[in-house]
Amino acid sequence: MYYLIEPNNKITSQQGTLNVKGQAEIFADTASDIPQPRTNWTAGSIAYVIATGTFYMLNSSGAWINQDDFTELEFPSETED
């Protein structure tokens, strides 16, 4: 589970929708709970993993980068049925 503080400081759950472009701040239980970036999130958005204390920042290419070891967060591949 994760919660998101939108750029306009409105708090939204996973079902929420952003309508403004800007930096997002995400609090996730685990790294696997961090969502794939939305198109209206800008570089510098932050995801904080509560279980480990790890921070990820969104780069200008749209990838979450671990700020401890500078590795990219990998997302599971989506398969077609």
PDB file of N, CA and C in Angstrom:
ATOM      1  N   MET A   1       0.838  -1.173   0.000  1.00  0.00           N
ATOM      2  CA  MET A   1       0.000   0.000   0.000  1.00  0.00           C
ATOM      3  C   MET A   1       0.882   1.234   0.000  1.00  0.00           C
ATOM      4  N   TYR A   2       0.396   2.269  -0.659  1.00  0.00           N
ATOM      5  CA  TYR A   2       1.116   3.533  -0.620  1.00  0.00           C
ATOM      6  C   TYR A   2       0.126   4.689  -0.532  1.00  0.00           C
ATOM      7  N   TYR A   3       0.621   5.813  -0.061  1.00  0.00           N
ATOM      8  CA  TYR A   3      -0.127   7.058  -0.069  1.00  0.00           C
ATOM      9  C   TYR A   3       0.688   8.100  -0.786  1.00  0.00           C
ATOM     10  N   LEU A   4       0.004   9.013  -1.425  1.00  0.00           N
ATOM     11  CA  LEU A   4       0.638  10.013  -2.260  1.00  0.00           C
ATOM     12  C   LEU A   4       0.214  11.402  -1.821  1.00  0.00           C
ATOM     13  N   ILE A   5       1.189  12.291  -1.668  1.00  0.00           N
ATOM     14  CA  ILE A   5       0.878  13.699  -1.456  1.00  0.00           C
ATOM     15  C   ILE A   5       1.097  14.390  -2.788  1.00  0.00           C
ATOM     16  N   GLU A   6       0.027  14.873  -3.351  1.00  0.00           N
ATOM     17  CA  GLU A   6       0.081  15.489  -4.670  1.00  0.00           C
ATOM     18  C   GLU A   6       0.747  16.853  -4.597  1.00  0.00           C
ATOM     19  N   PRO A   7       1.196  17.357  -5.755  1.00  0.00           N
ATOM     20  CA  PRO A   7       1.839  18.667  -5.786  1.00  0.00           C
ATOM     21  C   PRO A   7       0.999  19.796  -5.189  1.00  0.00           C
ATOM     22  N   ASN A   8      -0.315  19.647  -5.172  1.00  0.00           N
ATOM     23  CA  ASN A   8      -1.165  20.677  -4.575  1.00  0.00           C
ATOM     24  C   ASN A   8      -1.503  20.355  -3.122  1.00  0.00           C
ATOM     25  N   ASN A   9      -0.730  19.400  -2.532  1.00  0.00           N
ATOM     26  CA  ASN A   9      -0.853  18.989  -1.132  1.00  0.00           C
ATOM     27  C   ASN A   9      -2.152  18.263  -0.800  1.00  0.00           C
ATOM     28  N   LYS A  10      -2.864  17.782  -1.799  1.00  0.00           N
ATOM     29  CA  LYS A  10      -4.046  16.968  -1.563  1.00  0.00           C
ATOM     30  C   LYS A  10      -3.592  15.521  -1.423  1.00  0.00           C
ATOM     31  N   ILE A  11      -4.052  14.804  -0.412  1.00  0.00           N
ATOM     32  CA  ILE A  11      -3.654  13.419  -0.200  1.00  0.00           C
ATOM     33  C   ILE A  11      -4.624  12.497  -0.930  1.00  0.00           C
ATOM     34  N   THR A  12      -4.060  11.527  -1.655  1.00  0.00           N
ATOM     35  CA  THR A  12      -4.840  10.622  -2.477  1.00  0.00           C
ATOM     36  C   THR A  12      -4.404   9.193  -2.222  1.00  0.00           C
ATOM     37  N   SER A  13      -5.316   8.249  -2.297  1.00  0.00           N
ATOM     38  CA  SER A  13      -4.948   6.839  -2.187  1.00  0.00           C
ATOM     39  C   SER A  13      -4.576   6.308  -3.564  1.00  0.00           C
ATOM     40  N   GLN A  14      -4.311   5.006  -3.649  1.00  0.00           N
ATOM     41  CA  GLN A  14      -3.905   4.391  -4.905  1.00  0.00           C
ATOM     42  C   GLN A  14      -4.926   4.606  -6.023  1.00  0.00           C
ATOM     43  N   GLN A  15      -6.159   4.809  -5.711  1.00  0.00           N
ATOM     44  CA  GLN A  15      -7.187   4.991  -6.724  1.00  0.00           C
ATOM     45  C   GLN A  15      -7.282   6.443  -7.205  1.00  0.00           C
ATOM     46  N   GLY A  16      -6.514   7.353  -6.602  1.00  0.00           N
ATOM     47  CA  GLY A  16      -6.612   8.774  -6.914  1.00  0.00           C
ATOM     48  C   GLY A  16      -6.016   9.133  -8.262  1.00  0.00           C
ATOM     49  N   THR A  17      -6.297  10.358  -8.716  1.00  0.00           N
ATOM     50  CA  THR A  17      -5.819  10.854  -9.997  1.00  0.00           C
ATOM     51  C   THR A  17      -5.216  12.234  -9.812  1.00  0.00           C
ATOM     52  N   LEU A  18      -4.042  12.446 -10.408  1.00  0.00           N
ATOM     53  CA  LEU A  18      -3.419  13.758 -10.375  1.00  0.00           C
ATOM     54  C   LEU A  18      -3.904  14.587 -11.550  1.00  0.00           C
ATOM     55  N   ASN A  19      -4.147  15.853 -11.328  1.00  0.00           N
ATOM     56  CA  ASN A  19      -4.566  16.737 -12.394  1.00  0.00           C
ATOM     57  C   ASN A  19      -3.562  17.859 -12.647  1.00  0.00           C
ATOM     58  N   VAL A  20      -2.505  17.917 -11.870  1.00  0.00           N
ATOM     59  CA  VAL A  20      -1.493  18.959 -12.031  1.00  0.00           C
ATOM     60  C   VAL A  20      -0.128  18.303 -12.208  1.00  0.00           C
ATOM     61  N   LYS A  21       0.770  18.985 -12.926  1.00  0.00           N
ATOM     62  CA  LYS A  21       2.116  18.465 -13.121  1.00  0.00           C
ATOM     63  C   LYS A  21       3.001  19.018 -12.019  1.00  0.00           C
ATOM     64  N   GLY A  22       3.777  18.151 -11.422  1.00  0.00           N
ATOM     65  CA  GLY A  22       4.664  18.598 -10.366  1.00  0.00           C
ATOM     66  C   GLY A  22       5.309  17.430  -9.661  1.00  0.00           C
ATOM     67  N   GLN A  23       6.023  17.732  -8.606  1.00  0.00           N
ATOM     68  CA  GLN A  23       6.709  16.708  -7.834  1.00  0.00           C
ATOM     69  C   GLN A  23       5.727  16.012  -6.900  1.00  0.00           C
ATOM     70  N   ALA A  24       5.841  14.695  -6.856  1.00  0.00           N
ATOM     71  CA  ALA A  24       5.000  13.888  -5.986  1.00  0.00           C
ATOM     72  C   ALA A  24       5.846  13.384  -4.822  1.00  0.00           C
ATOM     73  N   GLU A  25       5.189  13.130  -3.713  1.00  0.00           N
ATOM     74  CA  GLU A  25       5.843  12.553  -2.540  1.00  0.00           C
ATOM     75  C   GLU A  25       5.044  11.316  -2.161  1.00  0.00           C
ATOM     76  N   ILE A  26       5.721  10.157  -2.130  1.00  0.00           N
ATOM     77  CA  ILE A  26       5.050   8.880  -1.923  1.00  0.00           C
ATOM     78  C   ILE A  26       5.620   8.200  -0.689  1.00  0.00           C
ATOM     79  N   PHE A  27       4.742   7.632   0.123  1.00  0.00           N
ATOM     80  CA  PHE A  27       5.129   6.851   1.293  1.00  0.00           C
ATOM     81  C   PHE A  27       4.624   5.437   1.058  1.00  0.00           C
ATOM     82  N   ALA A  28       5.548   4.476   0.899  1.00  0.00           N
ATOM     83  CA  ALA A  28       5.182   3.097   0.576  1.00  0.00           C
ATOM     84  C   ALA A  28       5.673   2.166   1.675  1.00  0.00           C
ATOM     85  N   ASP A  29       4.913   1.107   1.937  1.00  0.00           N
ATOM     86  CA  ASP A  29       5.335   0.109   2.923  1.00  0.00           C
ATOM     87  C   ASP A  29       6.620  -0.576   2.484  1.00  0.00           C
ATOM     88  N   THR A  30       6.703  -0.987   1.220  1.00  0.00           N
ATOM     89  CA  THR A  30       7.876  -1.669   0.681  1.00  0.00           C
ATOM     90  C   THR A  30       8.208  -1.082  -0.693  1.00  0.00           C
ATOM     91  N   ALA A  31       9.394  -1.388  -1.202  1.00  0.00           N
ATOM     92  CA  ALA A  31       9.787  -0.899  -2.526  1.00  0.00           C
ATOM     93  C   ALA A  31       8.857  -1.427  -3.609  1.00  0.00           C
ATOM     94  N   SER A  32       8.353  -2.645  -3.429  1.00  0.00           N
ATOM     95  CA  SER A  32       7.445  -3.197  -4.441  1.00  0.00           C
ATOM     96  C   SER A  32       6.092  -2.490  -4.465  1.00  0.00           C
ATOM     97  N   ASP A  33       5.796  -1.696  -3.452  1.00  0.00           N
ATOM     98  CA  ASP A  33       4.556  -0.914  -3.429  1.00  0.00           C
ATOM     99  C   ASP A  33       4.683   0.422  -4.160  1.00  0.00           C
ATOM    100  N   ILE A  34       5.893   0.822  -4.491  1.00  0.00           N
ATOM    101  CA  ILE A  34       6.086   2.098  -5.187  1.00  0.00           C
ATOM    102  C   ILE A  34       5.464   1.989  -6.577  1.00  0.00           C
ATOM    103  N   PRO A  35       4.582   2.922  -6.933  1.00  0.00           N
ATOM    104  CA  PRO A  35       3.919   2.831  -8.233  1.00  0.00           C
ATOM    105  C   PRO A  35       4.834   3.290  -9.368  1.00  0.00           C
ATOM    106  N   GLN A  36       4.527   2.826 -10.556  1.00  0.00           N
ATOM    107  CA  GLN A  36       5.216   3.352 -11.727  1.00  0.00           C
ATOM    108  C   GLN A  36       4.853   4.831 -11.845  1.00  0.00           C
ATOM    109  N   PRO A  37       5.804   5.646 -12.267  1.00  0.00           N
ATOM    110  CA  PRO A  37       5.545   7.089 -12.335  1.00  0.00           C
ATOM    111  C   PRO A  37       4.413   7.437 -13.305  1.00  0.00           C
ATOM    112  N   ARG A  38       3.631   8.397 -12.931  1.00  0.00           N
ATOM    113  CA  ARG A  38       2.600   8.934 -13.814  1.00  0.00           C
ATOM    114  C   ARG A  38       3.232  10.008 -14.688  1.00  0.00           C
ATOM    115  N   THR A  39       2.613  10.287 -15.798  1.00  0.00           N
ATOM    116  CA  THR A  39       3.199  11.235 -16.752  1.00  0.00           C
ATOM    117  C   THR A  39       3.246  12.665 -16.233  1.00  0.00           C
ATOM    118  N   ASN A  40       2.462  12.977 -15.224  1.00  0.00           N
ATOM    119  CA  ASN A  40       2.472  14.350 -14.714  1.00  0.00           C
ATOM    120  C   ASN A  40       3.334  14.512 -13.467  1.00  0.00           C
ATOM    121  N   TRP A  41       4.145  13.492 -13.124  1.00  0.00           N
ATOM    122  CA  TRP A  41       5.115  13.623 -12.037  1.00  0.00           C
ATOM    123  C   TRP A  41       6.430  14.082 -12.639  1.00  0.00           C
ATOM    124  N   THR A  42       7.066  15.037 -12.019  1.00  0.00           N
ATOM    125  CA  THR A  42       8.312  15.570 -12.548  1.00  0.00           C
ATOM    126  C   THR A  42       9.525  14.977 -11.829  1.00  0.00           C
ATOM    127  N   ALA A  43      10.691  15.167 -12.449  1.00  0.00           N
ATOM    128  CA  ALA A  43      11.947  14.762 -11.826  1.00  0.00           C
ATOM    129  C   ALA A  43      12.046  15.418 -10.452  1.00  0.00           C
ATOM    130  N   GLY A  44      12.605  14.685  -9.517  1.00  0.00           N
ATOM    131  CA  GLY A  44      12.701  15.188  -8.152  1.00  0.00           C
ATOM    132  C   GLY A  44      11.590  14.688  -7.253  1.00  0.00           C
ATOM    133  N   SER A  45      10.605  13.974  -7.839  1.00  0.00           N
ATOM    134  CA  SER A  45       9.580  13.346  -7.016  1.00  0.00           C
ATOM    135  C   SER A  45      10.258  12.329  -6.108  1.00  0.00           C
ATOM    136  N   ILE A  46       9.715  12.127  -4.917  1.00  0.00           N
ATOM    137  CA  ILE A  46      10.349  11.284  -3.908  1.00  0.00           C
ATOM    138  C   ILE A  46       9.423  10.151  -3.498  1.00  0.00           C
ATOM    139  N   ALA A  47      10.014   8.961  -3.360  1.00  0.00           N
ATOM    140  CA  ALA A  47       9.299   7.811  -2.795  1.00  0.00           C
ATOM    141  C   ALA A  47      10.098   7.329  -1.588  1.00  0.00           C
ATOM    142  N   TYR A  48       9.442   7.224  -0.442  1.00  0.00           N
ATOM    143  CA  TYR A  48      10.077   6.803   0.801  1.00  0.00           C
ATOM    144  C   TYR A  48       9.546   5.433   1.180  1.00  0.00           C
ATOM    145  N   VAL A  49      10.447   4.469   1.403  1.00  0.00           N
ATOM    146  CA  VAL A  49      10.057   3.107   1.793  1.00  0.00           C
ATOM    147  C   VAL A  49      10.131   3.008   3.314  1.00  0.00           C
ATOM    148  N   ILE A  50       8.995   2.830   3.932  1.00  0.00           N
ATOM    149  CA  ILE A  50       8.899   2.826   5.387  1.00  0.00           C
ATOM    150  C   ILE A  50       9.647   1.644   6.001  1.00  0.00           C
ATOM    151  N   ALA A  51       9.563   0.461   5.400  1.00  0.00           N
ATOM    152  CA  ALA A  51      10.165  -0.746   5.970  1.00  0.00           C
ATOM    153  C   ALA A  51      11.686  -0.664   6.080  1.00  0.00           C
ATOM    154  N   THR A  52      12.328   0.055   5.149  1.00  0.00           N
ATOM    155  CA  THR A  52      13.793   0.088   5.119  1.00  0.00           C
ATOM    156  C   THR A  52      14.395   1.468   5.329  1.00  0.00           C
ATOM    157  N   GLY A  53      13.576   2.505   5.225  1.00  0.00           N
ATOM    158  CA  GLY A  53      14.090   3.862   5.320  1.00  0.00           C
ATOM    159  C   GLY A  53      14.773   4.339   4.047  1.00  0.00           C
ATOM    160  N   THR A  54      14.570   3.615   2.959  1.00  0.00           N
ATOM    161  CA  THR A  54      15.202   3.942   1.682  1.00  0.00           C
ATOM    162  C   THR A  54      14.427   5.033   0.952  1.00  0.00           C
ATOM    163  N   PHE A  55      15.162   5.950   0.329  1.00  0.00           N
ATOM    164  CA  PHE A  55      14.571   6.984  -0.507  1.00  0.00           C
ATOM    165  C   PHE A  55      14.844   6.685  -1.968  1.00  0.00           C
ATOM    166  N   TYR A  56      13.848   6.912  -2.795  1.00  0.00           N
ATOM    167  CA  TYR A  56      13.999   6.861  -4.249  1.00  0.00           C
ATOM    168  C   TYR A  56      13.628   8.238  -4.782  1.00  0.00           C
ATOM    169  N   MET A  57      14.339   8.680  -5.816  1.00  0.00           N
ATOM    170  CA  MET A  57      13.988   9.924  -6.489  1.00  0.00           C
ATOM    171  C   MET A  57      13.750   9.635  -7.959  1.00  0.00           C
ATOM    172  N   LEU A  58      12.788  10.329  -8.522  1.00  0.00           N
ATOM    173  CA  LEU A  58      12.456  10.180  -9.926  1.00  0.00           C
ATOM    174  C   LEU A  58      13.415  11.029 -10.747  1.00  0.00           C
ATOM    175  N   ASN A  59      14.072  10.404 -11.737  1.00  0.00           N
ATOM    176  CA  ASN A  59      14.978  11.178 -12.586  1.00  0.00           C
ATOM    177  C   ASN A  59      14.239  11.720 -13.803  1.00  0.00           C
ATOM    178  N   SER A  60      14.930  12.470 -14.632  1.00  0.00           N
ATOM    179  CA  SER A  60      14.282  13.107 -15.781  1.00  0.00           C
ATOM    180  C   SER A  60      13.896  12.110 -16.869  1.00  0.00           C
ATOM    181  N   SER A  61      14.382  10.872 -16.772  1.00  0.00           N
ATOM    182  CA  SER A  61      13.989   9.823 -17.717  1.00  0.00           C
ATOM    183  C   SER A  61      12.769   9.053 -17.229  1.00  0.00           C
ATOM    184  N   GLY A  62      12.278   9.385 -16.040  1.00  0.00           N
ATOM    185  CA  GLY A  62      11.098   8.727 -15.499  1.00  0.00           C
ATOM    186  C   GLY A  62      11.390   7.445 -14.749  1.00  0.00           C
ATOM    187  N   ALA A  63      12.620   7.295 -14.242  1.00  0.00           N
ATOM    188  CA  ALA A  63      12.993   6.094 -13.483  1.00  0.00           C
ATOM    189  C   ALA A  63      13.177   6.456 -12.018  1.00  0.00           C
ATOM    190  N   TRP A  64      12.746   5.546 -11.142  1.00  0.00           N
ATOM    191  CA  TRP A  64      12.985   5.703  -9.706  1.00  0.00           C
ATOM    192  C   TRP A  64      14.415   5.254  -9.417  1.00  0.00           C
ATOM    193  N   ILE A  65      15.226   6.111  -8.799  1.00  0.00           N
ATOM    194  CA  ILE A  65      16.615   5.808  -8.503  1.00  0.00           C
ATOM    195  C   ILE A  65      16.805   5.750  -6.991  1.00  0.00           C
ATOM    196  N   ASN A  66      17.338   4.601  -6.506  1.00  0.00           N
ATOM    197  CA  ASN A  66      17.648   4.416  -5.099  1.00  0.00           C
ATOM    198  C   ASN A  66      18.762   5.391  -4.726  1.00  0.00           C
ATOM    199  N   GLN A  67      18.555   6.189  -3.698  1.00  0.00           N
ATOM    200  CA  GLN A  67      19.529   7.215  -3.330  1.00  0.00           C
ATOM    201  C   GLN A  67      20.659   6.693  -2.446  1.00  0.00           C
ATOM    202  N   ASP A  68      20.621   5.398  -2.078  1.00  0.00           N
ATOM    203  CA  ASP A  68      21.724   4.788  -1.337  1.00  0.00           C
ATOM    204  C   ASP A  68      22.761   4.180  -2.275  1.00  0.00           C
ATOM    205  N   ASP A  69      22.267   3.425  -3.281  1.00  0.00           N
ATOM    206  CA  ASP A  69      23.208   2.739  -4.174  1.00  0.00           C
ATOM    207  C   ASP A  69      23.051   3.138  -5.643  1.00  0.00           C
ATOM    208  N   PHE A  70      22.151   4.068  -5.926  1.00  0.00           N
ATOM    209  CA  PHE A  70      21.945   4.647  -7.258  1.00  0.00           C
ATOM    210  C   PHE A  70      21.528   3.624  -8.313  1.00  0.00           C
ATOM    211  N   THR A  71      20.819   2.582  -7.864  1.00  0.00           N
ATOM    212  CA  THR A  71      20.274   1.612  -8.800  1.00  0.00           C
ATOM    213  C   THR A  71      18.838   1.994  -9.145  1.00  0.00           C
ATOM    214  N   GLU A  72      18.418   1.567 -10.316  1.00  0.00           N
ATOM    215  CA  GLU A  72      17.066   1.853 -10.777  1.00  0.00           C
ATOM    216  C   GLU A  72      16.091   0.826 -10.223  1.00  0.00           C
ATOM    217  N   LEU A  73      14.924   1.280  -9.774  1.00  0.00           N
ATOM    218  CA  LEU A  73      13.881   0.379  -9.293  1.00  0.00           C
ATOM    219  C   LEU A  73      13.292  -0.360 -10.484  1.00  0.00           C
ATOM    220  N   GLU A  74      13.284  -1.678 -10.406  1.00  0.00           N
ATOM    221  CA  GLU A  74      12.757  -2.516 -11.478  1.00  0.00           C
ATOM    222  C   GLU A  74      11.294  -2.836 -11.207  1.00  0.00           C
ATOM    223  N   PHE A  75      10.480  -2.778 -12.247  1.00  0.00           N
ATOM    224  CA  PHE A  75       9.070  -3.138 -12.159  1.00  0.00           C
ATOM    225  C   PHE A  75       8.846  -4.468 -12.870  1.00  0.00           C
ATOM    226  N   PRO A  76       7.934  -5.290 -12.374  1.00  0.00           N
ATOM    227  CA  PRO A  76       7.659  -6.557 -13.061  1.00  0.00           C
ATOM    228  C   PRO A  76       7.172  -6.292 -14.479  1.00  0.00           C
ATOM    229  N   SER A  77       7.544  -7.163 -15.383  1.00  0.00           N
ATOM    230  CA  SER A  77       7.080  -7.046 -16.774  1.00  0.00           C
ATOM    231  C   SER A  77       5.609  -7.366 -16.832  1.00  0.00           C
ATOM    232  N   GLU A  78       4.903  -6.579 -17.633  1.00  0.00           N
ATOM    233  CA  GLU A  78       3.484  -6.871 -17.841  1.00  0.00           C
ATOM    234  C   GLU A  78       3.376  -7.810 -19.017  1.00  0.00           C
ATOM    235  N   THR A  79       2.608  -8.860 -18.849  1.00  0.00           N
ATOM    236  CA  THR A  79       2.426  -9.828 -19.931  1.00  0.00           C
ATOM    237  C   THR A  79       1.021  -9.727 -20.477  1.00  0.00           C
ATOM    238  N   GLU A  80       0.906  -9.999 -21.753  1.00  0.00           N
ATOM    239  CA  GLU A  80      -0.416  -9.972 -22.381  1.00  0.00           C
ATOM    240  C   GLU A  80      -1.057 -11.337 -22.265  1.00  0.00           C
ATOM    241  N   ASP A  81      -2.371 -11.356 -22.121  1.00  0.00           N
ATOM    242  CA  ASP A  81      -3.101 -12.635 -22.050  1.00  0.00           C
ATOM    243  C   ASP A  81      -3.409 -13.154 -23.432  1.00  0.00           C
TER     244      ASP A  81
END
